[in-house]
Amino acid sequence: MILVDTSVWIDYFNGVVNKQTDSLHQLLSERTVLIGDIILTEILQGFDRDQEFRLARQALDPLDCVHLGGKALAIKAASNFRFLRSKGVPPDNRVAGTFQG
Protein backbone atom coordinates (compact mmCIF):
# COMPACT_ATOMS: atom_id res chain seq x y z
CA MET A 1 0.00 0.00 0.00
CA ILE A 2 1.10 3.53 -0.72
CA LEU A 3 -0.30 6.94 0.22
CA VAL A 4 0.15 9.53 -2.54
CA ASP A 5 0.67 13.23 -1.76
CA THR A 6 -1.65 15.96 -3.02
CA SER A 7 1.00 17.54 -5.25
CA VAL A 8 1.46 14.29 -7.18
CA TRP A 9 -2.29 13.93 -7.70
CA ILE A 10 -2.56 17.53 -8.91
CA ASP A 11 0.24 16.95 -11.41
CA TYR A 12 -1.41 13.68 -12.45
CA PHE A 13 -4.80 15.30 -13.11
CA ASN A 14 -3.08 18.19 -14.90
CA GLY A 15 -1.38 15.76 -17.28
CA VAL A 16 2.14 16.58 -16.05
CA VAL A 17 4.60 13.86 -17.02
CA ASN A 18 7.34 13.32 -14.48
CA LYS A 19 8.82 10.53 -12.36
CA GLN A 20 6.11 10.85 -9.70
CA THR A 21 3.13 10.83 -12.07
CA ASP A 22 4.62 7.96 -14.07
CA SER A 23 5.03 6.02 -10.83
CA LEU A 24 1.46 6.83 -9.76
CA HIS A 25 0.09 5.70 -13.12
CA GLN A 26 1.93 2.39 -12.77
CA LEU A 27 1.00 1.95 -9.10
CA LEU A 28 -2.71 2.41 -9.83
CA SER A 29 -2.71 -0.81 -11.85
CA GLU A 30 -0.31 -2.80 -9.68
CA ARG A 31 -0.76 -1.95 -6.01
CA THR A 32 -3.22 -0.64 -3.49
CA VAL A 33 -3.08 3.16 -3.55
CA LEU A 34 -4.41 4.95 -0.51
CA ILE A 35 -5.76 8.46 -0.36
CA GLY A 36 -6.02 10.53 2.80
CA ASP A 37 -9.28 12.32 3.40
CA ILE A 38 -7.48 15.65 3.65
CA ILE A 39 -5.65 14.88 0.42
CA LEU A 40 -9.01 14.05 -1.16
CA THR A 41 -10.31 17.44 -0.05
CA GLU A 42 -7.32 19.28 -1.46
CA ILE A 43 -7.61 17.52 -4.82
CA LEU A 44 -11.38 17.93 -5.23
CA GLN A 45 -11.47 21.57 -4.19
CA GLY A 46 -9.12 22.38 -7.04
CA PHE A 47 -11.57 21.58 -9.83
CA ASP A 48 -13.43 24.58 -11.26
CA ARG A 49 -15.95 22.76 -13.43
CA ASP A 50 -18.70 20.61 -11.94
CA GLN A 51 -18.23 17.86 -14.54
CA GLU A 52 -14.50 17.60 -13.81
CA PHE A 53 -15.21 17.56 -10.06
CA ARG A 54 -17.65 14.66 -10.57
CA LEU A 55 -15.23 12.75 -12.83
CA ALA A 56 -12.36 13.17 -10.40
CA ARG A 57 -14.55 12.10 -7.49
CA GLN A 58 -15.62 9.00 -9.42
CA ALA A 59 -12.01 8.21 -10.33
CA LEU A 60 -10.81 8.58 -6.73
CA ASP A 61 -13.80 6.88 -5.08
CA PRO A 62 -12.52 3.30 -5.49
CA LEU A 63 -9.32 4.12 -3.57
CA ASP A 64 -9.15 3.21 0.09
CA CYS A 65 -9.44 6.43 2.06
CA VAL A 66 -7.27 6.78 5.15
CA HIS A 67 -9.19 8.43 7.97
CA LEU A 68 -7.41 11.61 8.90
CA GLY A 69 -10.54 13.70 9.35
CA GLY A 70 -13.13 11.57 7.60
CA LYS A 71 -14.07 10.99 3.95
CA ALA A 72 -17.50 12.62 4.30
CA LEU A 73 -15.90 15.68 5.90
CA ALA A 74 -13.30 15.84 3.12
CA ILE A 75 -15.97 15.84 0.40
CA LYS A 76 -18.10 18.37 2.30
CA ALA A 77 -15.09 20.64 2.81
CA ALA A 78 -14.26 20.46 -0.90
CA SER A 79 -17.86 21.27 -1.81
CA ASN A 80 -17.88 24.19 0.63
CA PHE A 81 -14.59 25.46 -0.79
CA ARG A 82 -15.97 25.28 -4.33
CA PHE A 83 -19.15 27.11 -3.26
CA LEU A 84 -17.13 29.91 -1.64
CA ARG A 85 -14.88 30.14 -4.69
CA SER A 86 -17.99 30.51 -6.90
CA LYS A 87 -18.97 33.47 -4.72
CA GLY A 88 -15.61 35.17 -5.25
CA VAL A 89 -13.54 33.85 -2.35
CA PRO A 90 -10.05 33.32 -3.83
CA PRO A 91 -8.77 29.71 -3.86
CA ASP A 92 -5.46 28.56 -2.39
CA ASN A 93 -4.84 25.83 -4.96
CA ARG A 94 -6.20 24.72 -8.32
CA VAL A 95 -6.29 21.73 -10.55
CA ALA A 96 -6.22 22.60 -14.24
CA GLY A 97 -9.37 22.71 -16.30
CA THR A 98 -8.81 19.37 -18.01
CA PHE A 99 -9.55 16.09 -16.37
CA GLN A 100 -6.90 13.50 -17.21
CA GLY A 101 -7.92 10.55 -15.03
PDB file of N, CA and C in Angstrom:
ATOM      1  N   MET A   1       0.833  -1.180   0.000  1.00  0.00           N
ATOM      2  CA  MET A   1       0.000   0.000   0.000  1.00  0.00           C
ATOM      3  C   MET A   1       0.879   1.245   0.000  1.00  0.00           C
ATOM      4  N   ILE A   2       0.368   2.272  -0.665  1.00  0.00           N
ATOM      5  CA  ILE A   2       1.100   3.527  -0.715  1.00  0.00           C
ATOM      6  C   ILE A   2       0.117   4.693  -0.631  1.00  0.00           C
ATOM      7  N   LEU A   3       0.497   5.718   0.100  1.00  0.00           N
ATOM      8  CA  LEU A   3      -0.297   6.943   0.218  1.00  0.00           C
ATOM      9  C   LEU A   3       0.369   7.993  -0.663  1.00  0.00           C
ATOM     10  N   VAL A   4      -0.397   8.580  -1.562  1.00  0.00           N
ATOM     11  CA  VAL A   4       0.145   9.530  -2.538  1.00  0.00           C
ATOM     12  C   VAL A   4      -0.191  10.955  -2.109  1.00  0.00           C
ATOM     13  N   ASP A   5       0.799  11.826  -2.167  1.00  0.00           N
ATOM     14  CA  ASP A   5       0.669  13.226  -1.764  1.00  0.00           C
ATOM     15  C   ASP A   5      -0.184  14.036  -2.742  1.00  0.00           C
ATOM     16  N   THR A   6      -0.799  15.072  -2.229  1.00  0.00           N
ATOM     17  CA  THR A   6      -1.650  15.958  -3.024  1.00  0.00           C
ATOM     18  C   THR A   6      -0.946  16.486  -4.264  1.00  0.00           C
ATOM     19  N   SER A   7       0.288  16.922  -4.118  1.00  0.00           N
ATOM     20  CA  SER A   7       1.000  17.536  -5.248  1.00  0.00           C
ATOM     21  C   SER A   7       1.162  16.561  -6.415  1.00  0.00           C
ATOM     22  N   VAL A   8       1.342  15.286  -6.113  1.00  0.00           N
ATOM     23  CA  VAL A   8       1.465  14.285  -7.179  1.00  0.00           C
ATOM     24  C   VAL A   8       0.120  14.109  -7.881  1.00  0.00           C
ATOM     25  N   TRP A   9      -0.957  14.046  -7.102  1.00  0.00           N
ATOM     26  CA  TRP A   9      -2.292  13.928  -7.696  1.00  0.00           C
ATOM     27  C   TRP A   9      -2.611  15.132  -8.577  1.00  0.00           C
ATOM     28  N   ILE A  10      -2.286  16.324  -8.120  1.00  0.00           N
ATOM     29  CA  ILE A  10      -2.560  17.527  -8.907  1.00  0.00           C
ATOM     30  C   ILE A  10      -1.801  17.470 -10.227  1.00  0.00           C
ATOM     31  N   ASP A  11      -0.530  17.105 -10.174  1.00  0.00           N
ATOM     32  CA  ASP A  11       0.235  16.948 -11.412  1.00  0.00           C
ATOM     33  C   ASP A  11      -0.382  15.885 -12.306  1.00  0.00           C
ATOM     34  N   TYR A  12      -0.811  14.782 -11.700  1.00  0.00           N
ATOM     35  CA  TYR A  12      -1.408  13.678 -12.453  1.00  0.00           C
ATOM     36  C   TYR A  12      -2.672  14.139 -13.191  1.00  0.00           C
ATOM     37  N   PHE A  13      -3.569  14.820 -12.483  1.00  0.00           N
ATOM     38  CA  PHE A  13      -4.796  15.301 -13.108  1.00  0.00           C
ATOM     39  C   PHE A  13      -4.537  16.413 -14.120  1.00  0.00           C
ATOM     40  N   ASN A  14      -3.446  17.141 -13.955  1.00  0.00           N
ATOM     41  CA  ASN A  14      -3.085  18.192 -14.905  1.00  0.00           C
ATOM     42  C   ASN A  14      -2.335  17.656 -16.114  1.00  0.00           C
ATOM     43  N   GLY A  15      -2.059  16.365 -16.145  1.00  0.00           N
ATOM     44  CA  GLY A  15      -1.377  15.762 -17.279  1.00  0.00           C
ATOM     45  C   GLY A  15       0.125  15.987 -17.291  1.00  0.00           C
ATOM     46  N   VAL A  16       0.689  16.381 -16.150  1.00  0.00           N
ATOM     47  CA  VAL A  16       2.137  16.575 -16.049  1.00  0.00           C
ATOM     48  C   VAL A  16       2.806  15.209 -16.100  1.00  0.00           C
ATOM     49  N   VAL A  17       3.838  15.103 -16.936  1.00  0.00           N
ATOM     50  CA  VAL A  17       4.595  13.861 -17.021  1.00  0.00           C
ATOM     51  C   VAL A  17       5.913  14.059 -16.295  1.00  0.00           C
ATOM     52  N   ASN A  18       6.086  13.301 -15.223  1.00  0.00           N
ATOM     53  CA  ASN A  18       7.336  13.317 -14.478  1.00  0.00           C
ATOM     54  C   ASN A  18       7.480  11.972 -13.775  1.00  0.00           C
ATOM     55  N   LYS A  19       8.559  11.802 -13.034  1.00  0.00           N
ATOM     56  CA  LYS A  19       8.821  10.532 -12.357  1.00  0.00           C
ATOM     57  C   LYS A  19       7.676  10.149 -11.419  1.00  0.00           C
ATOM     58  N   GLN A  20       7.160  11.125 -10.681  1.00  0.00           N
ATOM     59  CA  GLN A  20       6.110  10.849  -9.702  1.00  0.00           C
ATOM     60  C   GLN A  20       4.799  10.445 -10.360  1.00  0.00           C
ATOM     61  N   THR A  21       4.396  11.168 -11.413  1.00  0.00           N
ATOM     62  CA  THR A  21       3.130  10.827 -12.068  1.00  0.00           C
ATOM     63  C   THR A  21       3.240   9.519 -12.841  1.00  0.00           C
ATOM     64  N   ASP A  22       4.406   9.257 -13.418  1.00  0.00           N
ATOM     65  CA  ASP A  22       4.615   7.960 -14.075  1.00  0.00           C
ATOM     66  C   ASP A  22       4.502   6.828 -13.058  1.00  0.00           C
ATOM     67  N   SER A  23       5.110   7.028 -11.885  1.00  0.00           N
ATOM     68  CA  SER A  23       5.029   6.019 -10.826  1.00  0.00           C
ATOM     69  C   SER A  23       3.588   5.824 -10.368  1.00  0.00           C
ATOM     70  N   LEU A  24       2.851   6.921 -10.179  1.00  0.00           N
ATOM     71  CA  LEU A  24       1.455   6.826  -9.762  1.00  0.00           C
ATOM     72  C   LEU A  24       0.642   6.053 -10.790  1.00  0.00           C
ATOM     73  N   HIS A  25       0.821   6.382 -12.050  1.00  0.00           N
ATOM     74  CA  HIS A  25       0.087   5.699 -13.118  1.00  0.00           C
ATOM     75  C   HIS A  25       0.330   4.189 -13.054  1.00  0.00           C
ATOM     76  N   GLN A  26       1.586   3.807 -12.866  1.00  0.00           N
ATOM     77  CA  GLN A  26       1.934   2.391 -12.772  1.00  0.00           C
ATOM     78  C   GLN A  26       1.362   1.769 -11.501  1.00  0.00           C
ATOM     79  N   LEU A  27       1.487   2.470 -10.385  1.00  0.00           N
ATOM     80  CA  LEU A  27       0.998   1.951  -9.104  1.00  0.00           C
ATOM     81  C   LEU A  27      -0.509   1.705  -9.109  1.00  0.00           C
ATOM     82  N   LEU A  28      -1.252   2.555  -9.806  1.00  0.00           N
ATOM     83  CA  LEU A  28      -2.709   2.414  -9.829  1.00  0.00           C
ATOM     84  C   LEU A  28      -3.160   1.078 -10.404  1.00  0.00           C
ATOM     85  N   SER A  29      -2.331   0.479 -11.266  1.00  0.00           N
ATOM     86  CA  SER A  29      -2.705  -0.809 -11.847  1.00  0.00           C
ATOM     87  C   SER A  29      -2.043  -1.989 -11.149  1.00  0.00           C
ATOM     88  N   GLU A  30      -1.068  -1.707 -10.275  1.00  0.00           N
ATOM     89  CA  GLU A  30      -0.308  -2.801  -9.682  1.00  0.00           C
ATOM     90  C   GLU A  30      -0.467  -2.962  -8.173  1.00  0.00           C
ATOM     91  N   ARG A  31      -0.755  -1.893  -7.469  1.00  0.00           N
ATOM     92  CA  ARG A  31      -0.763  -1.947  -6.008  1.00  0.00           C
ATOM     93  C   ARG A  31      -1.978  -1.214  -5.450  1.00  0.00           C
ATOM     94  N   THR A  32      -2.163  -1.368  -4.167  1.00  0.00           N
ATOM     95  CA  THR A  32      -3.223  -0.638  -3.492  1.00  0.00           C
ATOM     96  C   THR A  32      -2.721   0.776  -3.216  1.00  0.00           C
ATOM     97  N   VAL A  33      -3.420   1.754  -3.769  1.00  0.00           N
ATOM     98  CA  VAL A  33      -3.076   3.159  -3.554  1.00  0.00           C
ATOM     99  C   VAL A  33      -4.086   3.732  -2.572  1.00  0.00           C
ATOM    100  N   LEU A  34      -3.569   4.328  -1.525  1.00  0.00           N
ATOM    101  CA  LEU A  34      -4.413   4.954  -0.508  1.00  0.00           C
ATOM    102  C   LEU A  34      -4.521   6.448  -0.773  1.00  0.00           C
ATOM    103  N   ILE A  35      -5.615   7.012  -0.305  1.00  0.00           N
ATOM    104  CA  ILE A  35      -5.762   8.461  -0.357  1.00  0.00           C
ATOM    105  C   ILE A  35      -6.213   8.919   1.026  1.00  0.00           C
ATOM    106  N   GLY A  36      -5.594   9.963   1.526  1.00  0.00           N
ATOM    107  CA  GLY A  36      -6.020  10.526   2.798  1.00  0.00           C
ATOM    108  C   GLY A  36      -7.211  11.426   2.584  1.00  0.00           C
ATOM    109  N   ASP A  37      -8.085  11.492   3.560  1.00  0.00           N
ATOM    110  CA  ASP A  37      -9.276  12.319   3.400  1.00  0.00           C
ATOM    111  C   ASP A  37      -8.929  13.794   3.197  1.00  0.00           C
ATOM    112  N   ILE A  38      -7.896  14.261   3.855  1.00  0.00           N
ATOM    113  CA  ILE A  38      -7.482  15.654   3.653  1.00  0.00           C
ATOM    114  C   ILE A  38      -6.916  15.839   2.253  1.00  0.00           C
ATOM    115  N   ILE A  39      -6.179  14.841   1.785  1.00  0.00           N
ATOM    116  CA  ILE A  39      -5.648  14.880   0.417  1.00  0.00           C
ATOM    117  C   ILE A  39      -6.806  14.887  -0.576  1.00  0.00           C
ATOM    118  N   LEU A  40      -7.820  14.071  -0.311  1.00  0.00           N
ATOM    119  CA  LEU A  40      -9.009  14.046  -1.164  1.00  0.00           C
ATOM    120  C   LEU A  40      -9.650  15.429  -1.226  1.00  0.00           C
ATOM    121  N   THR A  41      -9.757  16.085  -0.089  1.00  0.00           N
ATOM    122  CA  THR A  41     -10.311  17.436  -0.051  1.00  0.00           C
ATOM    123  C   THR A  41      -9.491  18.378  -0.913  1.00  0.00           C
ATOM    124  N   GLU A  42      -8.195  18.363  -0.723  1.00  0.00           N
ATOM    125  CA  GLU A  42      -7.319  19.279  -1.462  1.00  0.00           C
ATOM    126  C   GLU A  42      -7.416  19.066  -2.959  1.00  0.00           C
ATOM    127  N   ILE A  43      -7.500  17.811  -3.383  1.00  0.00           N
ATOM    128  CA  ILE A  43      -7.608  17.518  -4.819  1.00  0.00           C
ATOM    129  C   ILE A  43      -8.948  18.010  -5.354  1.00  0.00           C
ATOM    130  N   LEU A  44     -10.046  17.609  -4.711  1.00  0.00           N
ATOM    131  CA  LEU A  44     -11.375  17.930  -5.235  1.00  0.00           C
ATOM    132  C   LEU A  44     -11.683  19.423  -5.214  1.00  0.00           C
ATOM    133  N   GLN A  45     -11.174  20.140  -4.237  1.00  0.00           N
ATOM    134  CA  GLN A  45     -11.472  21.572  -4.186  1.00  0.00           C
ATOM    135  C   GLN A  45     -10.769  22.331  -5.303  1.00  0.00           C
ATOM    136  N   GLY A  46      -9.833  21.710  -5.970  1.00  0.00           N
ATOM    137  CA  GLY A  46      -9.116  22.383  -7.043  1.00  0.00           C
ATOM    138  C   GLY A  46      -9.816  22.392  -8.387  1.00  0.00           C
ATOM    139  N   PHE A  47     -10.885  21.633  -8.537  1.00  0.00           N
ATOM    140  CA  PHE A  47     -11.573  21.577  -9.832  1.00  0.00           C
ATOM    141  C   PHE A  47     -12.597  22.702  -9.938  1.00  0.00           C
ATOM    142  N   ASP A  48     -12.501  23.481 -11.016  1.00  0.00           N
ATOM    143  CA  ASP A  48     -13.426  24.581 -11.261  1.00  0.00           C
ATOM    144  C   ASP A  48     -14.774  24.100 -11.798  1.00  0.00           C
ATOM    145  N   ARG A  49     -14.731  23.195 -12.736  1.00  0.00           N
ATOM    146  CA  ARG A  49     -15.947  22.765 -13.429  1.00  0.00           C
ATOM    147  C   ARG A  49     -16.615  21.593 -12.715  1.00  0.00           C
ATOM    148  N   ASP A  50     -17.937  21.654 -12.620  1.00  0.00           N
ATOM    149  CA  ASP A  50     -18.704  20.611 -11.940  1.00  0.00           C
ATOM    150  C   ASP A  50     -18.454  19.235 -12.541  1.00  0.00           C
ATOM    151  N   GLN A  51     -18.423  19.147 -13.862  1.00  0.00           N
ATOM    152  CA  GLN A  51     -18.227  17.861 -14.536  1.00  0.00           C
ATOM    153  C   GLN A  51     -16.862  17.265 -14.176  1.00  0.00           C
ATOM    154  N   GLU A  52     -15.834  18.085 -14.153  1.00  0.00           N
ATOM    155  CA  GLU A  52     -14.499  17.597 -13.807  1.00  0.00           C
ATOM    156  C   GLU A  52     -14.438  17.177 -12.341  1.00  0.00           C
ATOM    157  N   PHE A  53     -15.118  17.921 -11.481  1.00  0.00           N
ATOM    158  CA  PHE A  53     -15.214  17.555 -10.063  1.00  0.00           C
ATOM    159  C   PHE A  53     -15.847  16.171  -9.934  1.00  0.00           C
ATOM    160  N   ARG A  54     -16.957  15.954 -10.641  1.00  0.00           N
ATOM    161  CA  ARG A  54     -17.649  14.661 -10.573  1.00  0.00           C
ATOM    162  C   ARG A  54     -16.772  13.534 -11.117  1.00  0.00           C
ATOM    163  N   LEU A  55     -16.098  13.780 -12.244  1.00  0.00           N
ATOM    164  CA  LEU A  55     -15.235  12.748 -12.831  1.00  0.00           C
ATOM    165  C   LEU A  55     -14.072  12.403 -11.911  1.00  0.00           C
ATOM    166  N   ALA A  56     -13.471  13.415 -11.324  1.00  0.00           N
ATOM    167  CA  ALA A  56     -12.359  13.171 -10.399  1.00  0.00           C
ATOM    168  C   ALA A  56     -12.851  12.401  -9.178  1.00  0.00           C
ATOM    169  N   ARG A  57     -13.995  12.802  -8.656  1.00  0.00           N
ATOM    170  CA  ARG A  57     -14.552  12.104  -7.488  1.00  0.00           C
ATOM    171  C   ARG A  57     -14.814  10.643  -7.817  1.00  0.00           C
ATOM    172  N   GLN A  58     -15.367  10.384  -9.001  1.00  0.00           N
ATOM    173  CA  GLN A  58     -15.622   9.003  -9.416  1.00  0.00           C
ATOM    174  C   GLN A  58     -14.312   8.227  -9.581  1.00  0.00           C
ATOM    175  N   ALA A  59     -13.293   8.872 -10.125  1.00  0.00           N
ATOM    176  CA  ALA A  59     -12.007   8.208 -10.329  1.00  0.00           C
ATOM    177  C   ALA A  59     -11.320   7.885  -9.005  1.00  0.00           C
ATOM    178  N   LEU A  60     -11.475   8.758  -8.026  1.00  0.00           N
ATOM    179  CA  LEU A  60     -10.811   8.579  -6.733  1.00  0.00           C
ATOM    180  C   LEU A  60     -11.622   7.721  -5.767  1.00  0.00           C
ATOM    181  N   ASP A  61     -12.912   7.590  -6.008  1.00  0.00           N
ATOM    182  CA  ASP A  61     -13.799   6.882  -5.080  1.00  0.00           C
ATOM    183  C   ASP A  61     -13.388   5.441  -4.792  1.00  0.00           C
ATOM    184  N   PRO A  62     -12.895   4.689  -5.787  1.00  0.00           N
ATOM    185  CA  PRO A  62     -12.518   3.296  -5.489  1.00  0.00           C
ATOM    186  C   PRO A  62     -11.300   3.153  -4.566  1.00  0.00           C
ATOM    187  N   LEU A  63     -10.514   4.203  -4.413  1.00  0.00           N
ATOM    188  CA  LEU A  63      -9.325   4.118  -3.574  1.00  0.00           C
ATOM    189  C   LEU A  63      -9.715   4.022  -2.103  1.00  0.00           C
ATOM    190  N   ASP A  64      -8.945   3.263  -1.353  1.00  0.00           N
ATOM    191  CA  ASP A  64      -9.154   3.207   0.092  1.00  0.00           C
ATOM    192  C   ASP A  64      -8.775   4.559   0.679  1.00  0.00           C
ATOM    193  N   CYS A  65      -9.657   5.115   1.476  1.00  0.00           N
ATOM    194  CA  CYS A  65      -9.436   6.430   2.060  1.00  0.00           C
ATOM    195  C   CYS A  65      -8.991   6.279   3.512  1.00  0.00           C
ATOM    196  N   VAL A  66      -7.815   6.817   3.804  1.00  0.00           N
ATOM    197  CA  VAL A  66      -7.267   6.778   5.153  1.00  0.00           C
ATOM    198  C   VAL A  66      -7.936   7.869   5.973  1.00  0.00           C
ATOM    199  N   HIS A  67      -8.467   7.488   7.120  1.00  0.00           N
ATOM    200  CA  HIS A  67      -9.192   8.427   7.968  1.00  0.00           C
ATOM    201  C   HIS A  67      -8.224   9.346   8.701  1.00  0.00           C
ATOM    202  N   LEU A  68      -8.169  10.578   8.224  1.00  0.00           N
ATOM    203  CA  LEU A  68      -7.409  11.613   8.901  1.00  0.00           C
ATOM    204  C   LEU A  68      -8.371  12.607   9.523  1.00  0.00           C
ATOM    205  N   GLY A  69      -9.497  12.817   8.857  1.00  0.00           N
ATOM    206  CA  GLY A  69     -10.540  13.698   9.352  1.00  0.00           C
ATOM    207  C   GLY A  69     -11.902  13.173   8.949  1.00  0.00           C
ATOM    208  N   GLY A  70     -11.907  12.192   8.070  1.00  0.00           N
ATOM    209  CA  GLY A  70     -13.132  11.570   7.605  1.00  0.00           C
ATOM    210  C   GLY A  70     -13.425  11.874   6.151  1.00  0.00           C
ATOM    211  N   LYS A  71     -13.789  10.845   5.376  1.00  0.00           N
ATOM    212  CA  LYS A  71     -14.075  10.988   3.951  1.00  0.00           C
ATOM    213  C   LYS A  71     -15.259  11.923   3.715  1.00  0.00           C
ATOM    214  N   ALA A  72     -16.328  11.762   4.472  1.00  0.00           N
ATOM    215  CA  ALA A  72     -17.505  12.624   4.301  1.00  0.00           C
ATOM    216  C   ALA A  72     -17.142  14.087   4.556  1.00  0.00           C
ATOM    217  N   LEU A  73     -16.340  14.324   5.593  1.00  0.00           N
ATOM    218  CA  LEU A  73     -15.901  15.682   5.901  1.00  0.00           C
ATOM    219  C   LEU A  73     -15.034  16.243   4.778  1.00  0.00           C
ATOM    220  N   ALA A  74     -14.172  15.401   4.218  1.00  0.00           N
ATOM    221  CA  ALA A  74     -13.304  15.841   3.124  1.00  0.00           C
ATOM    222  C   ALA A  74     -14.131  16.280   1.910  1.00  0.00           C
ATOM    223  N   ILE A  75     -15.127  15.496   1.550  1.00  0.00           N
ATOM    224  CA  ILE A  75     -15.971  15.837   0.396  1.00  0.00           C
ATOM    225  C   ILE A  75     -16.802  17.081   0.698  1.00  0.00           C
ATOM    226  N   LYS A  76     -17.334  17.181   1.904  1.00  0.00           N
ATOM    227  CA  LYS A  76     -18.104  18.366   2.297  1.00  0.00           C
ATOM    228  C   LYS A  76     -17.231  19.614   2.282  1.00  0.00           C
ATOM    229  N   ALA A  77     -16.003  19.499   2.800  1.00  0.00           N
ATOM    230  CA  ALA A  77     -15.086  20.639   2.814  1.00  0.00           C
ATOM    231  C   ALA A  77     -14.745  21.080   1.388  1.00  0.00           C
ATOM    232  N   ALA A  78     -14.537  20.120   0.499  1.00  0.00           N
ATOM    233  CA  ALA A  78     -14.256  20.456  -0.901  1.00  0.00           C
ATOM    234  C   ALA A  78     -15.456  21.146  -1.540  1.00  0.00           C
ATOM    235  N   SER A  79     -16.648  20.645  -1.272  1.00  0.00           N
ATOM    236  CA  SER A  79     -17.863  21.266  -1.810  1.00  0.00           C
ATOM    237  C   SER A  79     -18.040  22.683  -1.265  1.00  0.00           C
ATOM    238  N   ASN A  80     -17.795  22.858   0.032  1.00  0.00           N
ATOM    239  CA  ASN A  80     -17.880  24.193   0.631  1.00  0.00           C
ATOM    240  C   ASN A  80     -16.863  25.140   0.012  1.00  0.00           C
ATOM    241  N   PHE A  81     -15.643  24.663  -0.169  1.00  0.00           N
ATOM    242  CA  PHE A  81     -14.588  25.459  -0.788  1.00  0.00           C
ATOM    243  C   PHE A  81     -15.013  25.912  -2.180  1.00  0.00           C
ATOM    244  N   ARG A  82     -15.550  24.966  -2.971  1.00  0.00           N
ATOM    245  CA  ARG A  82     -15.973  25.279  -4.332  1.00  0.00           C
ATOM    246  C   ARG A  82     -17.121  26.295  -4.324  1.00  0.00           C
ATOM    247  N   PHE A  83     -18.046  26.167  -3.374  1.00  0.00           N
ATOM    248  CA  PHE A  83     -19.148  27.111  -3.257  1.00  0.00           C
ATOM    249  C   PHE A  83     -18.604  28.511  -2.961  1.00  0.00           C
ATOM    250  N   LEU A  84     -17.713  28.609  -1.993  1.00  0.00           N
ATOM    251  CA  LEU A  84     -17.131  29.913  -1.645  1.00  0.00           C
ATOM    252  C   LEU A  84     -16.364  30.506  -2.821  1.00  0.00           C
ATOM    253  N   ARG A  85     -15.629  29.666  -3.524  1.00  0.00           N
ATOM    254  CA  ARG A  85     -14.885  30.137  -4.693  1.00  0.00           C
ATOM    255  C   ARG A  85     -15.849  30.693  -5.741  1.00  0.00           C
ATOM    256  N   SER A  86     -17.009  30.032  -5.915  1.00  0.00           N
ATOM    257  CA  SER A  86     -17.987  30.507  -6.901  1.00  0.00           C
ATOM    258  C   SER A  86     -18.576  31.863  -6.503  1.00  0.00           C
ATOM    259  N   LYS A  87     -18.474  32.184  -5.221  1.00  0.00           N
ATOM    260  CA  LYS A  87     -18.965  33.475  -4.717  1.00  0.00           C
ATOM    261  C   LYS A  87     -17.868  34.529  -4.658  1.00  0.00           C
ATOM    262  N   GLY A  88     -16.673  34.182  -5.177  1.00  0.00           N
ATOM    263  CA  GLY A  88     -15.605  35.165  -5.252  1.00  0.00           C
ATOM    264  C   GLY A  88     -14.519  35.054  -4.204  1.00  0.00           C
ATOM    265  N   VAL A  89     -14.606  34.059  -3.336  1.00  0.00           N
ATOM    266  CA  VAL A  89     -13.544  33.855  -2.353  1.00  0.00           C
ATOM    267  C   VAL A  89     -12.365  33.221  -3.086  1.00  0.00           C
ATOM    268  N   PRO A  90     -11.182  33.845  -3.040  1.00  0.00           N
ATOM    269  CA  PRO A  90     -10.053  33.319  -3.826  1.00  0.00           C
ATOM    270  C   PRO A  90      -9.563  31.960  -3.308  1.00  0.00           C
ATOM    271  N   PRO A  91      -9.255  31.041  -4.241  1.00  0.00           N
ATOM    272  CA  PRO A  91      -8.770  29.712  -3.858  1.00  0.00           C
ATOM    273  C   PRO A  91      -7.283  29.728  -3.504  1.00  0.00           C
ATOM    274  N   ASP A  92      -6.867  28.718  -2.751  1.00  0.00           N
ATOM    275  CA  ASP A  92      -5.464  28.556  -2.393  1.00  0.00           C
ATOM    276  C   ASP A  92      -4.738  27.644  -3.367  1.00  0.00           C
ATOM    277  N   ASN A  93      -5.462  26.721  -3.994  1.00  0.00           N
ATOM    278  CA  ASN A  93      -4.835  25.826  -4.962  1.00  0.00           C
ATOM    279  C   ASN A  93      -5.850  25.488  -6.042  1.00  0.00           C
ATOM    280  N   ARG A  94      -5.336  25.042  -7.184  1.00  0.00           N
ATOM    281  CA  ARG A  94      -6.198  24.716  -8.316  1.00  0.00           C
ATOM    282  C   ARG A  94      -5.688  23.493  -9.042  1.00  0.00           C
ATOM    283  N   VAL A  95      -6.608  22.759  -9.602  1.00  0.00           N
ATOM    284  CA  VAL A  95      -6.291  21.727 -10.555  1.00  0.00           C
ATOM    285  C   VAL A  95      -6.716  22.285 -11.900  1.00  0.00           C
ATOM    286  N   ALA A  96      -5.940  22.037 -12.923  1.00  0.00           N
ATOM    287  CA  ALA A  96      -6.217  22.604 -14.240  1.00  0.00           C
ATOM    288  C   ALA A  96      -7.598  22.224 -14.732  1.00  0.00           C
ATOM    289  N   GLY A  97      -8.037  22.901 -15.779  1.00  0.00           N
ATOM    290  CA  GLY A  97      -9.368  22.709 -16.302  1.00  0.00           C
ATOM    291  C   GLY A  97      -9.599  21.423 -17.063  1.00  0.00           C
ATOM    292  N   THR A  98      -8.595  20.610 -17.275  1.00  0.00           N
ATOM    293  CA  THR A  98      -8.811  19.372 -18.014  1.00  0.00           C
ATOM    294  C   THR A  98      -8.633  18.173 -17.139  1.00  0.00           C
ATOM    295  N   PHE A  99      -9.615  17.321 -17.161  1.00  0.00           N
ATOM    296  CA  PHE A  99      -9.547  16.094 -16.369  1.00  0.00           C
ATOM    297  C   PHE A  99      -8.769  15.053 -17.166  1.00  0.00           C
ATOM    298  N   GLN A 100      -7.755  14.473 -16.534  1.00  0.00           N
ATOM    299  CA  GLN A 100      -6.900  13.505 -17.215  1.00  0.00           C
ATOM    300  C   GLN A 100      -7.114  12.064 -16.749  1.00  0.00           C
ATOM    301  N   GLY A 101      -7.835  11.865 -15.651  1.00  0.00           N
ATOM    302  CA  GLY A 101      -7.921  10.550 -15.029  1.00  0.00           C
ATOM    303  C   GLY A 101      -8.804   9.569 -15.703  1.00  0.00           C
TER     304      GLY A 101
END
